[in-house]
Amino acid sequence: MDLRRRAPGRTGQPLPGWPLRLPPSAPPIPPAPPSGSGLLAINVRYFALRAVIFGAVLAVVLLLGMNGFLAFAAAFVLSGLVSYPVASRQRRAVLGALEERRGWLR
């Protein structure tokens, strides 16, 4: 069965004019403008940086002798304090991408 010639309809029969062909005189479709890094990539970098900071702080806290829930709670608080100034550039990039994309924060 050739799926390229079938339309996703009930009967499985090809639609008239399928696949759609533009006339030769039609103007070309312009490419999307480059937007630099996408919002998803920026968020992934921000999350990865925060996760690395948390892991490093957790390792230090565990090496200092804290155990269990107290170690995780201390690492959570300390990594939050450390990541606020360290991840400020990524945070500004996220806010800038949101502002560019949706017009927020005007």
PDB file of N, CA and C in Angstrom:
ATOM      1  N   MET A   1       0.848  -1.177   0.000  1.00  0.00           N
ATOM      2  CA  MET A   1       0.000   0.000   0.000  1.00  0.00           C
ATOM      3  C   MET A   1       0.895   1.242   0.000  1.00  0.00           C
ATOM      4  N   ASP A   2       0.640   2.152  -0.900  1.00  0.00           N
ATOM      5  CA  ASP A   2       1.426   3.375  -1.004  1.00  0.00           C
ATOM      6  C   ASP A   2       0.743   4.457  -0.172  1.00  0.00           C
ATOM      7  N   LEU A   3       1.327   4.795   0.970  1.00  0.00           N
ATOM      8  CA  LEU A   3       0.713   5.755   1.883  1.00  0.00           C
ATOM      9  C   LEU A   3       0.791   7.182   1.362  1.00  0.00           C
ATOM     10  N   ARG A   4       1.725   7.464   0.471  1.00  0.00           N
ATOM     11  CA  ARG A   4       1.844   8.825  -0.029  1.00  0.00           C
ATOM     12  C   ARG A   4       0.657   9.219  -0.899  1.00  0.00           C
ATOM     13  N   ARG A   5      -0.028   8.248  -1.455  1.00  0.00           N
ATOM     14  CA  ARG A   5      -1.147   8.564  -2.340  1.00  0.00           C
ATOM     15  C   ARG A   5      -2.490   8.466  -1.638  1.00  0.00           C
ATOM     16  N   ARG A   6      -2.495   8.076  -0.395  1.00  0.00           N
ATOM     17  CA  ARG A   6      -3.750   7.924   0.348  1.00  0.00           C
ATOM     18  C   ARG A   6      -3.969   9.136   1.228  1.00  0.00           C
ATOM     19  N   ALA A   7      -5.186   9.552   1.313  1.00  0.00           N
ATOM     20  CA  ALA A   7      -5.546  10.644   2.209  1.00  0.00           C
ATOM     21  C   ALA A   7      -5.980  10.044   3.536  1.00  0.00           C
ATOM     22  N   PRO A   8      -5.826  10.764   4.618  1.00  0.00           N
ATOM     23  CA  PRO A   8      -6.232  10.225   5.915  1.00  0.00           C
ATOM     24  C   PRO A   8      -7.735  10.311   6.118  1.00  0.00           C
ATOM     25  N   GLY A   9      -8.502   9.796   5.193  1.00  0.00           N
ATOM     26  CA  GLY A   9      -9.954   9.841   5.285  1.00  0.00           C
ATOM     27  C   GLY A   9     -10.514   8.501   5.735  1.00  0.00           C
ATOM     28  N   ARG A  10     -11.828   8.410   5.756  1.00  0.00           N
ATOM     29  CA  ARG A  10     -12.477   7.176   6.202  1.00  0.00           C
ATOM     30  C   ARG A  10     -12.285   6.046   5.207  1.00  0.00           C
ATOM     31  N   THR A  11     -12.436   6.360   3.938  1.00  0.00           N
ATOM     32  CA  THR A  11     -12.419   5.307   2.929  1.00  0.00           C
ATOM     33  C   THR A  11     -11.012   4.947   2.503  1.00  0.00           C
ATOM     34  N   GLY A  12     -10.058   5.791   2.781  1.00  0.00           N
ATOM     35  CA  GLY A  12      -8.709   5.522   2.357  1.00  0.00           C
ATOM     36  C   GLY A  12      -8.468   5.853   0.901  1.00  0.00           C
ATOM     37  N   GLN A  13      -9.462   6.425   0.252  1.00  0.00           N
ATOM     38  CA  GLN A  13      -9.316   6.799  -1.153  1.00  0.00           C
ATOM     39  C   GLN A  13      -8.583   8.131  -1.252  1.00  0.00           C
ATOM     40  N   PRO A  14      -7.804   8.303  -2.309  1.00  0.00           N
ATOM     41  CA  PRO A  14      -7.106   9.575  -2.457  1.00  0.00           C
ATOM     42  C   PRO A  14      -8.080  10.730  -2.670  1.00  0.00           C
ATOM     43  N   LEU A  15      -7.761  11.863  -2.105  1.00  0.00           N
ATOM     44  CA  LEU A  15      -8.569  13.058  -2.309  1.00  0.00           C
ATOM     45  C   LEU A  15      -8.304  13.621  -3.700  1.00  0.00           C
ATOM     46  N   PRO A  16      -9.286  14.304  -4.290  1.00  0.00           N
ATOM     47  CA  PRO A  16      -9.047  14.924  -5.592  1.00  0.00           C
ATOM     48  C   PRO A  16      -7.957  15.989  -5.469  1.00  0.00           C
ATOM     49  N   GLY A  17      -7.004  15.955  -6.365  1.00  0.00           N
ATOM     50  CA  GLY A  17      -5.943  16.932  -6.354  1.00  0.00           C
ATOM     51  C   GLY A  17      -4.861  16.653  -5.324  1.00  0.00           C
ATOM     52  N   TRP A  18      -4.863  15.439  -4.765  1.00  0.00           N
ATOM     53  CA  TRP A  18      -3.873  15.081  -3.759  1.00  0.00           C
ATOM     54  C   TRP A  18      -2.639  14.544  -4.437  1.00  0.00           C
ATOM     55  N   PRO A  19      -1.470  14.898  -4.172  1.00  0.00           N
ATOM     56  CA  PRO A  19      -1.024  15.972  -3.305  1.00  0.00           C
ATOM     57  C   PRO A  19      -1.186  17.326  -3.978  1.00  0.00           C
ATOM     58  N   LEU A  20      -1.306  18.344  -3.183  1.00  0.00           N
ATOM     59  CA  LEU A  20      -1.536  19.697  -3.672  1.00  0.00           C
ATOM     60  C   LEU A  20      -0.301  20.207  -4.399  1.00  0.00           C
ATOM     61  N   ARG A  21      -0.516  20.709  -5.602  1.00  0.00           N
ATOM     62  CA  ARG A  21       0.581  21.281  -6.374  1.00  0.00           C
ATOM     63  C   ARG A  21       0.258  22.734  -6.668  1.00  0.00           C
ATOM     64  N   LEU A  22       1.235  23.593  -6.441  1.00  0.00           N
ATOM     65  CA  LEU A  22       1.054  25.018  -6.713  1.00  0.00           C
ATOM     66  C   LEU A  22       1.371  25.281  -8.182  1.00  0.00           C
ATOM     67  N   PRO A  23       0.671  26.254  -8.769  1.00  0.00           N
ATOM     68  CA  PRO A  23       0.991  26.594 -10.159  1.00  0.00           C
ATOM     69  C   PRO A  23       2.392  27.196 -10.238  1.00  0.00           C
ATOM     70  N   PRO A  24       3.045  27.094 -11.391  1.00  0.00           N
ATOM     71  CA  PRO A  24       4.412  27.611 -11.512  1.00  0.00           C
ATOM     72  C   PRO A  24       4.496  29.122 -11.289  1.00  0.00           C
ATOM     73  N   SER A  25       3.401  29.850 -11.498  1.00  0.00           N
ATOM     74  CA  SER A  25       3.440  31.298 -11.332  1.00  0.00           C
ATOM     75  C   SER A  25       3.231  31.734  -9.881  1.00  0.00           C
ATOM     76  N   ALA A  26       2.984  30.797  -8.979  1.00  0.00           N
ATOM     77  CA  ALA A  26       2.760  31.150  -7.574  1.00  0.00           C
ATOM     78  C   ALA A  26       4.063  31.630  -6.954  1.00  0.00           C
ATOM     79  N   PRO A  27       3.992  32.668  -6.101  1.00  0.00           N
ATOM     80  CA  PRO A  27       5.227  33.149  -5.454  1.00  0.00           C
ATOM     81  C   PRO A  27       5.728  32.112  -4.462  1.00  0.00           C
ATOM     82  N   PRO A  28       7.037  32.019  -4.294  1.00  0.00           N
ATOM     83  CA  PRO A  28       7.571  31.041  -3.333  1.00  0.00           C
ATOM     84  C   PRO A  28       7.205  31.429  -1.905  1.00  0.00           C
ATOM     85  N   ILE A  29       7.085  30.430  -1.070  1.00  0.00           N
ATOM     86  CA  ILE A  29       6.777  30.668   0.337  1.00  0.00           C
ATOM     87  C   ILE A  29       8.061  31.132   1.015  1.00  0.00           C
ATOM     88  N   PRO A  30       8.033  32.310   1.675  1.00  0.00           N
ATOM     89  CA  PRO A  30       9.261  32.795   2.300  1.00  0.00           C
ATOM     90  C   PRO A  30       9.628  31.942   3.510  1.00  0.00           C
ATOM     91  N   PRO A  31      10.919  31.747   3.753  1.00  0.00           N
ATOM     92  CA  PRO A  31      11.323  30.971   4.928  1.00  0.00           C
ATOM     93  C   PRO A  31      11.052  31.756   6.204  1.00  0.00           C
ATOM     94  N   ALA A  32      10.921  31.028   7.295  1.00  0.00           N
ATOM     95  CA  ALA A  32      10.692  31.673   8.590  1.00  0.00           C
ATOM     96  C   ALA A  32      11.948  32.448   8.981  1.00  0.00           C
ATOM     97  N   PRO A  33      11.783  33.627   9.574  1.00  0.00           N
ATOM     98  CA  PRO A  33      12.962  34.390   9.979  1.00  0.00           C
ATOM     99  C   PRO A  33      13.693  33.682  11.102  1.00  0.00           C
ATOM    100  N   PRO A  34      15.019  33.749  11.108  1.00  0.00           N
ATOM    101  CA  PRO A  34      15.759  33.099  12.195  1.00  0.00           C
ATOM    102  C   PRO A  34      15.491  33.807  13.512  1.00  0.00           C
ATOM    103  N   SER A  35      15.202  33.032  14.532  1.00  0.00           N
ATOM    104  CA  SER A  35      14.876  33.617  15.833  1.00  0.00           C
ATOM    105  C   SER A  35      15.950  33.351  16.875  1.00  0.00           C
ATOM    106  N   GLY A  36      17.109  32.876  16.447  1.00  0.00           N
ATOM    107  CA  GLY A  36      18.147  32.561  17.422  1.00  0.00           C
ATOM    108  C   GLY A  36      17.756  31.315  18.199  1.00  0.00           C
ATOM    109  N   SER A  37      18.038  31.305  19.453  1.00  0.00           N
ATOM    110  CA  SER A  37      17.683  30.154  20.279  1.00  0.00           C
ATOM    111  C   SER A  37      16.200  30.184  20.589  1.00  0.00           C
ATOM    112  N   GLY A  38      15.565  29.048  20.478  1.00  0.00           N
ATOM    113  CA  GLY A  38      14.154  28.953  20.788  1.00  0.00           C
ATOM    114  C   GLY A  38      13.915  28.957  22.281  1.00  0.00           C
ATOM    115  N   LEU A  39      12.682  29.145  22.641  1.00  0.00           N
ATOM    116  CA  LEU A  39      12.311  29.201  24.048  1.00  0.00           C
ATOM    117  C   LEU A  39      12.591  27.880  24.757  1.00  0.00           C
ATOM    118  N   LEU A  40      12.355  26.776  24.064  1.00  0.00           N
ATOM    119  CA  LEU A  40      12.609  25.466  24.675  1.00  0.00           C
ATOM    120  C   LEU A  40      14.091  25.282  24.974  1.00  0.00           C
ATOM    121  N   ALA A  41      14.951  25.656  24.042  1.00  0.00           N
ATOM    122  CA  ALA A  41      16.393  25.502  24.258  1.00  0.00           C
ATOM    123  C   ALA A  41      16.869  26.360  25.421  1.00  0.00           C
ATOM    124  N   ILE A  42      16.337  27.568  25.521  1.00  0.00           N
ATOM    125  CA  ILE A  42      16.725  28.453  26.616  1.00  0.00           C
ATOM    126  C   ILE A  42      16.270  27.876  27.957  1.00  0.00           C
ATOM    127  N   ASN A  43      15.045  27.351  28.000  1.00  0.00           N
ATOM    128  CA  ASN A  43      14.538  26.755  29.241  1.00  0.00           C
ATOM    129  C   ASN A  43      15.324  25.509  29.629  1.00  0.00           C
ATOM    130  N   VAL A  44      15.715  24.712  28.644  1.00  0.00           N
ATOM    131  CA  VAL A  44      16.495  23.507  28.939  1.00  0.00           C
ATOM    132  C   VAL A  44      17.851  23.887  29.520  1.00  0.00           C
ATOM    133  N   ARG A  45      18.499  24.911  28.951  1.00  0.00           N
ATOM    134  CA  ARG A  45      19.780  25.356  29.494  1.00  0.00           C
ATOM    135  C   ARG A  45      19.631  25.875  30.922  1.00  0.00           C
ATOM    136  N   TYR A  46      18.564  26.635  31.172  1.00  0.00           N
ATOM    137  CA  TYR A  46      18.331  27.177  32.514  1.00  0.00           C
ATOM    138  C   TYR A  46      18.097  26.044  33.512  1.00  0.00           C
ATOM    139  N   PHE A  47      17.264  25.079  33.136  1.00  0.00           N
ATOM    140  CA  PHE A  47      16.988  23.951  34.021  1.00  0.00           C
ATOM    141  C   PHE A  47      18.247  23.125  34.252  1.00  0.00           C
ATOM    142  N   ALA A  48      19.036  22.907  33.204  1.00  0.00           N
ATOM    143  CA  ALA A  48      20.259  22.117  33.346  1.00  0.00           C
ATOM    144  C   ALA A  48      21.249  22.807  34.283  1.00  0.00           C
ATOM    145  N   LEU A  49      21.376  24.116  34.164  1.00  0.00           N
ATOM    146  CA  LEU A  49      22.272  24.852  35.053  1.00  0.00           C
ATOM    147  C   LEU A  49      21.803  24.739  36.493  1.00  0.00           C
ATOM    148  N   ARG A  50      20.500  24.892  36.718  1.00  0.00           N
ATOM    149  CA  ARG A  50      19.978  24.769  38.081  1.00  0.00           C
ATOM    150  C   ARG A  50      20.189  23.360  38.628  1.00  0.00           C
ATOM    151  N   ALA A  51      20.014  22.335  37.785  1.00  0.00           N
ATOM    152  CA  ALA A  51      20.205  20.952  38.226  1.00  0.00           C
ATOM    153  C   ALA A  51      21.669  20.678  38.560  1.00  0.00           C
ATOM    154  N   VAL A  52      22.599  21.208  37.757  1.00  0.00           N
ATOM    155  CA  VAL A  52      24.028  21.024  38.036  1.00  0.00           C
ATOM    156  C   VAL A  52      24.407  21.715  39.342  1.00  0.00           C
ATOM    157  N   ILE A  53      23.895  22.913  39.554  1.00  0.00           N
ATOM    158  CA  ILE A  53      24.185  23.625  40.807  1.00  0.00           C
ATOM    159  C   ILE A  53      23.644  22.843  41.994  1.00  0.00           C
ATOM    160  N   PHE A  54      22.411  22.321  41.878  1.00  0.00           N
ATOM    161  CA  PHE A  54      21.839  21.535  42.968  1.00  0.00           C
ATOM    162  C   PHE A  54      22.681  20.289  43.228  1.00  0.00           C
ATOM    163  N   GLY A  55      23.105  19.606  42.173  1.00  0.00           N
ATOM    164  CA  GLY A  55      23.920  18.404  42.345  1.00  0.00           C
ATOM    165  C   GLY A  55      25.250  18.708  43.018  1.00  0.00           C
ATOM    166  N   ALA A  56      25.884  19.804  42.625  1.00  0.00           N
ATOM    167  CA  ALA A  56      27.166  20.172  43.235  1.00  0.00           C
ATOM    168  C   ALA A  56      26.992  20.522  44.708  1.00  0.00           C
ATOM    169  N   VAL A  57      25.956  21.285  45.014  1.00  0.00           N
ATOM    170  CA  VAL A  57      25.718  21.667  46.410  1.00  0.00           C
ATOM    171  C   VAL A  57      25.341  20.434  47.232  1.00  0.00           C
ATOM    172  N   LEU A  58      24.556  19.532  46.657  1.00  0.00           N
ATOM    173  CA  LEU A  58      24.189  18.310  47.371  1.00  0.00           C
ATOM    174  C   LEU A  58      25.428  17.466  47.656  1.00  0.00           C
ATOM    175  N   ALA A  59      26.335  17.375  46.692  1.00  0.00           N
ATOM    176  CA  ALA A  59      27.561  16.610  46.915  1.00  0.00           C
ATOM    177  C   ALA A  59      28.384  17.222  48.042  1.00  0.00           C
ATOM    178  N   VAL A  60      28.498  18.541  48.069  1.00  0.00           N
ATOM    179  CA  VAL A  60      29.253  19.213  49.130  1.00  0.00           C
ATOM    180  C   VAL A  60      28.585  18.988  50.484  1.00  0.00           C
ATOM    181  N   VAL A  61      27.270  19.100  50.525  1.00  0.00           N
ATOM    182  CA  VAL A  61      26.541  18.906  51.790  1.00  0.00           C
ATOM    183  C   VAL A  61      26.708  17.472  52.289  1.00  0.00           C
ATOM    184  N   LEU A  62      26.652  16.504  51.371  1.00  0.00           N
ATOM    185  CA  LEU A  62      26.836  15.111  51.781  1.00  0.00           C
ATOM    186  C   LEU A  62      28.267  14.853  52.248  1.00  0.00           C
ATOM    187  N   LEU A  63      29.245  15.498  51.601  1.00  0.00           N
ATOM    188  CA  LEU A  63      30.633  15.341  52.039  1.00  0.00           C
ATOM    189  C   LEU A  63      30.883  15.973  53.410  1.00  0.00           C
ATOM    190  N   LEU A  64      30.083  16.972  53.740  1.00  0.00           N
ATOM    191  CA  LEU A  64      30.221  17.604  55.052  1.00  0.00           C
ATOM    192  C   LEU A  64      29.600  16.774  56.169  1.00  0.00           C
ATOM    193  N   GLY A  65      28.874  15.713  55.807  1.00  0.00           N
ATOM    194  CA  GLY A  65      28.382  14.797  56.823  1.00  0.00           C
ATOM    195  C   GLY A  65      26.885  14.829  57.070  1.00  0.00           C
ATOM    196  N   MET A  66      26.134  15.669  56.385  1.00  0.00           N
ATOM    197  CA  MET A  66      24.678  15.648  56.572  1.00  0.00           C
ATOM    198  C   MET A  66      24.099  14.431  55.860  1.00  0.00           C
ATOM    199  N   ASN A  67      23.039  13.887  56.407  1.00  0.00           N
ATOM    200  CA  ASN A  67      22.413  12.710  55.814  1.00  0.00           C
ATOM    201  C   ASN A  67      20.916  12.912  55.684  1.00  0.00           C
ATOM    202  N   GLY A  68      20.307  12.168  54.761  1.00  0.00           N
ATOM    203  CA  GLY A  68      18.868  12.085  54.642  1.00  0.00           C
ATOM    204  C   GLY A  68      18.189  13.342  54.171  1.00  0.00           C
ATOM    205  N   PHE A  69      17.009  13.554  54.735  1.00  0.00           N
ATOM    206  CA  PHE A  69      16.155  14.664  54.315  1.00  0.00           C
ATOM    207  C   PHE A  69      16.800  16.013  54.594  1.00  0.00           C
ATOM    208  N   LEU A  70      17.533  16.110  55.692  1.00  0.00           N
ATOM    209  CA  LEU A  70      18.191  17.370  56.040  1.00  0.00           C
ATOM    210  C   LEU A  70      19.210  17.784  54.975  1.00  0.00           C
ATOM    211  N   ALA A  71      19.923  16.814  54.415  1.00  0.00           N
ATOM    212  CA  ALA A  71      20.894  17.110  53.358  1.00  0.00           C
ATOM    213  C   ALA A  71      20.184  17.650  52.115  1.00  0.00           C
ATOM    214  N   PHE A  72      19.069  17.023  51.727  1.00  0.00           N
ATOM    215  CA  PHE A  72      18.332  17.491  50.548  1.00  0.00           C
ATOM    216  C   PHE A  72      17.722  18.876  50.785  1.00  0.00           C
ATOM    217  N   ALA A  73      17.200  19.096  51.991  1.00  0.00           N
ATOM    218  CA  ALA A  73      16.612  20.402  52.292  1.00  0.00           C
ATOM    219  C   ALA A  73      17.678  21.491  52.294  1.00  0.00           C
ATOM    220  N   ALA A  74      18.830  21.205  52.893  1.00  0.00           N
ATOM    221  CA  ALA A  74      19.907  22.194  52.914  1.00  0.00           C
ATOM    222  C   ALA A  74      20.429  22.461  51.500  1.00  0.00           C
ATOM    223  N   ALA A  75      20.568  21.406  50.691  1.00  0.00           N
ATOM    224  CA  ALA A  75      21.037  21.575  49.317  1.00  0.00           C
ATOM    225  C   ALA A  75      20.024  22.362  48.493  1.00  0.00           C
ATOM    226  N   PHE A  76      18.745  22.146  48.733  1.00  0.00           N
ATOM    227  CA  PHE A  76      17.701  22.880  48.015  1.00  0.00           C
ATOM    228  C   PHE A  76      17.785  24.375  48.316  1.00  0.00           C
ATOM    229  N   VAL A  77      17.904  24.709  49.597  1.00  0.00           N
ATOM    230  CA  VAL A  77      17.970  26.127  49.989  1.00  0.00           C
ATOM    231  C   VAL A  77      19.261  26.759  49.501  1.00  0.00           C
ATOM    232  N   LEU A  78      20.377  26.100  49.717  1.00  0.00           N
ATOM    233  CA  LEU A  78      21.673  26.673  49.327  1.00  0.00           C
ATOM    234  C   LEU A  78      21.812  26.787  47.806  1.00  0.00           C
ATOM    235  N   SER A  79      21.321  25.797  47.074  1.00  0.00           N
ATOM    236  CA  SER A  79      21.425  25.880  45.613  1.00  0.00           C
ATOM    237  C   SER A  79      20.527  26.992  45.078  1.00  0.00           C
ATOM    238  N   GLY A  80      19.409  27.241  45.730  1.00  0.00           N
ATOM    239  CA  GLY A  80      18.565  28.370  45.337  1.00  0.00           C
ATOM    240  C   GLY A  80      19.265  29.698  45.541  1.00  0.00           C
ATOM    241  N   LEU A  81      19.958  29.811  46.669  1.00  0.00           N
ATOM    242  CA  LEU A  81      20.708  31.045  46.944  1.00  0.00           C
ATOM    243  C   LEU A  81      21.885  31.221  45.985  1.00  0.00           C
ATOM    244  N   VAL A  82      22.552  30.123  45.646  1.00  0.00           N
ATOM    245  CA  VAL A  82      23.701  30.198  44.740  1.00  0.00           C
ATOM    246  C   VAL A  82      23.241  30.456  43.304  1.00  0.00           C
ATOM    247  N   SER A  83      22.163  29.815  42.898  1.00  0.00           N
ATOM    248  CA  SER A  83      21.743  29.919  41.495  1.00  0.00           C
ATOM    249  C   SER A  83      21.098  31.264  41.160  1.00  0.00           C
ATOM    250  N   TYR A  84      20.645  31.993  42.162  1.00  0.00           N
ATOM    251  CA  TYR A  84      20.024  33.288  41.854  1.00  0.00           C
ATOM    252  C   TYR A  84      20.996  34.226  41.144  1.00  0.00           C
ATOM    253  N   PRO A  85      22.206  34.456  41.665  1.00  0.00           N
ATOM    254  CA  PRO A  85      23.121  35.316  40.908  1.00  0.00           C
ATOM    255  C   PRO A  85      23.809  34.596  39.746  1.00  0.00           C
ATOM    256  N   VAL A  86      24.046  33.273  39.891  1.00  0.00           N
ATOM    257  CA  VAL A  86      24.782  32.549  38.852  1.00  0.00           C
ATOM    258  C   VAL A  86      23.952  32.384  37.591  1.00  0.00           C
ATOM    259  N   ALA A  87      22.659  32.119  37.733  1.00  0.00           N
ATOM    260  CA  ALA A  87      21.797  31.860  36.579  1.00  0.00           C
ATOM    261  C   ALA A  87      21.040  33.097  36.128  1.00  0.00           C
ATOM    262  N   SER A  88      21.502  34.277  36.503  1.00  0.00           N
ATOM    263  CA  SER A  88      20.754  35.491  36.140  1.00  0.00           C
ATOM    264  C   SER A  88      20.745  35.725  34.630  1.00  0.00           C
ATOM    265  N   ARG A  89      21.841  35.379  33.943  1.00  0.00           N
ATOM    266  CA  ARG A  89      21.877  35.579  32.490  1.00  0.00           C
ATOM    267  C   ARG A  89      20.861  34.683  31.788  1.00  0.00           C
ATOM    268  N   GLN A  90      20.761  33.408  32.213  1.00  0.00           N
ATOM    269  CA  GLN A  90      19.787  32.500  31.618  1.00  0.00           C
ATOM    270  C   GLN A  90      18.364  32.937  31.949  1.00  0.00           C
ATOM    271  N   ARG A  91      18.154  33.442  33.171  1.00  0.00           N
ATOM    272  CA  ARG A  91      16.821  33.905  33.550  1.00  0.00           C
ATOM    273  C   ARG A  91      16.407  35.105  32.695  1.00  0.00           C
ATOM    274  N   ARG A  92      17.349  36.032  32.463  1.00  0.00           N
ATOM    275  CA  ARG A  92      17.053  37.175  31.593  1.00  0.00           C
ATOM    276  C   ARG A  92      16.782  36.719  30.164  1.00  0.00           C
ATOM    277  N   ALA A  93      17.490  35.671  29.700  1.00  0.00           N
ATOM    278  CA  ALA A  93      17.261  35.155  28.349  1.00  0.00           C
ATOM    279  C   ALA A  93      15.862  34.555  28.233  1.00  0.00           C
ATOM    280  N   VAL A  94      15.414  33.848  29.266  1.00  0.00           N
ATOM    281  CA  VAL A  94      14.057  33.278  29.256  1.00  0.00           C
ATOM    282  C   VAL A  94      13.025  34.406  29.209  1.00  0.00           C
ATOM    283  N   LEU A  95      13.195  35.407  30.052  1.00  0.00           N
ATOM    284  CA  LEU A  95      12.241  36.519  30.068  1.00  0.00           C
ATOM    285  C   LEU A  95      12.274  37.292  28.754  1.00  0.00           C
ATOM    286  N   GLY A  96      13.452  37.468  28.169  1.00  0.00           N
ATOM    287  CA  GLY A  96      13.547  38.147  26.880  1.00  0.00           C
ATOM    288  C   GLY A  96      12.867  37.369  25.769  1.00  0.00           C
ATOM    289  N   ALA A  97      13.023  36.039  25.782  1.00  0.00           N
ATOM    290  CA  ALA A  97      12.366  35.213  24.767  1.00  0.00           C
ATOM    291  C   ALA A  97      10.849  35.255  24.936  1.00  0.00           C
ATOM    292  N   LEU A  98      10.371  35.251  26.180  1.00  0.00           N
ATOM    293  CA  LEU A  98       8.929  35.352  26.412  1.00  0.00           C
ATOM    294  C   LEU A  98       8.396  36.704  25.955  1.00  0.00           C
ATOM    295  N   GLU A  99       9.149  37.745  26.230  1.00  0.00           N
ATOM    296  CA  GLU A  99       8.712  39.076  25.819  1.00  0.00           C
ATOM    297  C   GLU A  99       8.676  39.199  24.299  1.00  0.00           C
ATOM    298  N   GLU A 100       9.687  38.635  23.629  1.00  0.00           N
ATOM    299  CA  GLU A 100       9.731  38.686  22.169  1.00  0.00           C
ATOM    300  C   GLU A 100       8.617  37.868  21.548  1.00  0.00           C
ATOM    301  N   ARG A 101       8.341  36.727  22.166  1.00  0.00           N
ATOM    302  CA  ARG A 101       7.360  35.795  21.586  1.00  0.00           C
ATOM    303  C   ARG A 101       5.929  36.243  21.828  1.00  0.00           C
ATOM    304  N   ARG A 102       5.628  36.698  22.998  1.00  0.00           N
ATOM    305  CA  ARG A 102       4.241  36.980  23.354  1.00  0.00           C
ATOM    306  C   ARG A 102       3.971  38.455  23.668  1.00  0.00           C
ATOM    307  N   GLY A 103       4.989  39.264  23.725  1.00  0.00           N
ATOM    308  CA  GLY A 103       4.783  40.659  24.056  1.00  0.00           C
ATOM    309  C   GLY A 103       4.517  40.884  25.525  1.00  0.00           C
ATOM    310  N   TRP A 104       4.997  39.976  26.371  1.00  0.00           N
ATOM    311  CA  TRP A 104       4.791  40.095  27.811  1.00  0.00           C
ATOM    312  C   TRP A 104       5.740  41.134  28.400  1.00  0.00           C
ATOM    313  N   LEU A 105       5.503  41.480  29.601  1.00  0.00           N
ATOM    314  CA  LEU A 105       6.375  42.315  30.421  1.00  0.00           C
ATOM    315  C   LEU A 105       6.642  43.683  29.811  1.00  0.00           C
ATOM    316  N   ARG A 106       5.638  44.287  29.275  1.00  0.00           N
ATOM    317  CA  ARG A 106       5.821  45.617  28.682  1.00  0.00           C
ATOM    318  C   ARG A 106       5.604  46.666  29.711  1.00  0.00           C
TER     319      ARG A 106
END
